[in-house]
Structure formats: C-alpha cells, structure tokens
Amino acid sequence: MTPMIDVVFLLLIFFVCASIGQIPESTLPTPLAAGSIEAADPIEAPKPLGEVWIRLARRGAGEGAVTTAEINNQLYEDWGRLRGTLRELASVAPEIPVILDIGKSVPVGDFVDIFDTCRSAGFDDIQFATDSQPPA
C-alpha cells in the first residue's frame, strides 16, 4: 500500500508542476464569426496608377565613382534632388509601388539610403527587382 501512495503522490506532484505556466484558454478569447458554406466573391483592389522604377548604377571607376539614380528614365546625380522628387511623389500617391533595381557595383550603403528615403517619404510598397534565373 505504501508504494502505491508514493506513486500517486509523485503523479500528483508531476501534474501540478506540469500545469504551472499554462495559459488558460479563457484568457485568450477567440471570437468566431458565424460560418457560411457559400463562396464569397473576391473583392478586387484597385490597381495603382503605375510604378516608380528606381535604377541605381555606379558610374566611373576607383575613388571618382559616383552612384546615380534613374527614376522612370530621368537621371539623378544629386541625392538632394532625388529625395525631393521622392517626397513629392509620395505626397501625391503613397500607394504607388516603388521598385528598386540595384546595379551589381552599387555599394550597400547607397541602396539602403535610397530605401530609407522611400520609407521616410511615405511610400507603402517598396520592392526589389531581381534578375530571373533560368530553371536548372
């Protein structure tokens, strides 16, 4: 009889220790909507007016190399003018997707600077363009 009491006591201690730290489901309310078996028609979101392509390229060689930006075929070598243009675009239509096309020789700091500028200007959608790889 004594070993059985010991086993029951050990099981009781185990379950008490195992239950400590659990979050009761009553503190995590999950409101569930009434279900339906009908398929809902998908709501199509309006497409933005266009896209803003920013192509960064490195011009020159060595110490004299300069990173330039091209926004929709307009070349910007002055970063201040580029920032002003991005702020104006974001104030007019922040929902327009911005696509950053980064050249291979562009330093990381330059494209992070442009990414931060787009974020601070207020653009909602900033993407990176990639080269498509042929299937192997």
Protein backbone atom coordinates (compact mmCIF):
# COMPACT_ATOMS: atom_id res chain seq x y z
CA MET A 1 0.00 0.00 0.00
CA THR A 2 2.83 2.44 0.77
CA PRO A 3 4.44 2.19 -2.71
CA MET A 4 1.08 2.92 -4.31
CA ILE A 5 0.63 6.03 -2.17
CA ASP A 6 4.15 7.14 -3.14
CA VAL A 7 3.39 6.67 -6.86
CA VAL A 8 0.10 8.59 -6.58
CA PHE A 9 1.85 11.36 -4.66
CA LEU A 10 4.60 11.57 -7.30
CA LEU A 11 2.00 11.68 -10.09
CA LEU A 12 0.14 14.44 -8.26
CA ILE A 13 3.37 16.46 -7.95
CA PHE A 14 4.16 15.86 -11.63
CA PHE A 15 0.77 17.09 -12.84
CA VAL A 16 0.82 20.12 -10.55
CA CYS A 17 4.31 21.11 -11.80
CA ALA A 18 3.39 20.42 -15.43
CA SER A 19 0.27 22.58 -15.24
CA ILE A 20 2.11 25.63 -13.89
CA GLY A 21 2.82 28.14 -16.64
CA GLN A 22 -0.01 27.14 -18.92
CA ILE A 23 -2.25 29.92 -20.13
CA PRO A 24 -5.88 29.08 -19.61
CA GLU A 25 -7.92 29.29 -22.77
CA SER A 26 -10.41 31.54 -21.04
CA THR A 27 -7.88 34.39 -21.01
CA LEU A 28 -7.36 34.11 -24.77
CA PRO A 29 -10.76 34.91 -26.25
CA THR A 30 -11.22 33.90 -29.85
CA PRO A 31 -14.30 35.46 -31.35
CA LEU A 32 -15.53 33.29 -34.18
CA ALA A 33 -17.87 34.60 -36.81
CA ALA A 34 -20.84 32.56 -37.85
CA GLY A 35 -19.72 30.38 -40.70
CA SER A 36 -21.31 30.00 -44.06
CA ILE A 37 -20.85 27.44 -46.77
CA GLU A 38 -21.21 29.88 -49.63
CA ALA A 39 -18.17 31.15 -51.50
CA ALA A 40 -17.67 34.87 -51.32
CA ASP A 41 -16.81 36.85 -54.42
CA PRO A 42 -13.26 38.16 -54.14
CA ILE A 43 -13.03 41.90 -53.84
CA GLU A 44 -10.57 43.26 -56.34
CA ALA A 45 -8.43 46.08 -55.02
CA PRO A 46 -7.96 48.99 -57.37
CA LYS A 47 -4.60 48.85 -59.10
CA PRO A 48 -2.24 51.77 -58.56
CA LEU A 49 -1.72 54.30 -61.31
CA GLY A 50 1.73 52.99 -62.21
CA GLU A 51 5.08 52.06 -60.79
CA VAL A 52 8.14 54.04 -59.81
CA TRP A 53 11.29 52.30 -61.01
CA ILE A 54 14.49 53.49 -59.36
CA ARG A 55 17.59 52.12 -61.06
CA LEU A 56 20.84 52.63 -59.18
CA ALA A 57 24.08 52.36 -61.13
CA ARG A 58 27.72 53.06 -60.41
CA ARG A 59 29.42 55.39 -62.93
CA GLY A 60 33.17 55.83 -63.07
CA ALA A 61 35.95 53.81 -61.51
CA GLY A 62 38.01 53.92 -58.36
CA GLU A 63 37.74 56.89 -55.97
CA GLY A 64 35.87 59.01 -58.52
CA ALA A 65 32.99 56.54 -58.91
CA VAL A 66 29.55 58.01 -58.31
CA THR A 67 26.24 56.25 -57.72
CA THR A 68 23.49 57.64 -59.91
CA ALA A 69 19.77 57.03 -59.76
CA GLU A 70 17.34 56.91 -62.62
CA ILE A 71 13.64 57.32 -61.88
CA ASN A 72 11.42 56.40 -64.80
CA ASN A 73 14.14 57.28 -67.34
CA GLN A 74 15.16 60.57 -65.66
CA LEU A 75 18.76 60.62 -64.38
CA TYR A 76 19.56 61.99 -60.90
CA GLU A 77 23.15 62.53 -59.77
CA ASP A 78 22.20 64.91 -56.95
CA TRP A 79 20.84 62.95 -53.96
CA GLY A 80 19.09 66.03 -52.56
CA ARG A 81 17.10 66.50 -55.77
CA LEU A 82 16.29 62.78 -55.78
CA ARG A 83 14.98 62.93 -52.21
CA GLY A 84 12.82 65.93 -53.08
CA THR A 85 11.34 64.12 -56.07
CA LEU A 86 10.58 61.03 -53.98
CA ARG A 87 8.88 63.13 -51.29
CA GLU A 88 6.73 64.86 -53.91
CA LEU A 89 5.71 61.53 -55.45
CA ALA A 90 4.86 60.07 -52.04
CA SER A 91 2.79 63.10 -51.08
CA VAL A 92 0.72 62.74 -54.25
CA ALA A 93 0.27 58.94 -54.29
CA PRO A 94 1.89 56.89 -51.49
CA GLU A 95 0.18 53.71 -52.73
CA ILE A 96 2.29 53.60 -55.93
CA PRO A 97 4.72 50.68 -55.71
CA VAL A 98 8.40 51.62 -55.76
CA ILE A 99 10.73 49.08 -57.37
CA LEU A 100 14.44 49.37 -56.64
CA ASP A 101 16.68 47.96 -59.36
CA ILE A 102 20.19 47.85 -57.89
CA GLY A 103 23.26 47.54 -60.10
CA LYS A 104 25.92 44.99 -59.17
CA SER A 105 28.62 47.53 -58.33
CA VAL A 106 26.43 49.81 -56.18
CA PRO A 107 27.58 49.93 -52.54
CA VAL A 108 25.16 48.64 -49.94
CA GLY A 109 25.09 51.97 -48.15
CA ASP A 110 23.76 53.76 -51.23
CA PHE A 111 20.77 51.49 -51.82
CA VAL A 112 19.97 51.34 -48.10
CA ASP A 113 19.99 55.16 -48.16
CA ILE A 114 17.51 55.18 -51.06
CA PHE A 115 15.35 52.53 -49.36
CA ASP A 116 15.27 54.62 -46.16
CA THR A 117 14.45 57.72 -48.18
CA CYS A 118 11.48 55.94 -49.79
CA ARG A 119 10.26 54.74 -46.38
CA SER A 120 10.59 58.17 -44.79
CA ALA A 121 8.89 59.79 -47.80
CA GLY A 122 5.82 57.66 -47.04
CA PHE A 123 5.67 55.01 -49.76
CA ASP A 124 3.61 51.99 -48.69
CA ASP A 125 5.07 49.38 -51.05
CA ILE A 126 8.83 49.16 -51.73
CA GLN A 127 10.14 46.17 -53.66
CA PHE A 128 13.48 44.97 -55.01
CA ALA A 129 13.87 43.91 -58.64
CA THR A 130 15.80 40.70 -59.24
CA ASP A 131 17.22 39.01 -62.29
CA SER A 132 15.24 35.95 -63.25
CA GLN A 133 17.26 32.74 -63.12
CA PRO A 134 16.66 30.04 -65.73
CA PRO A 135 15.34 26.79 -64.23
CA ALA A 136 18.09 24.28 -63.53
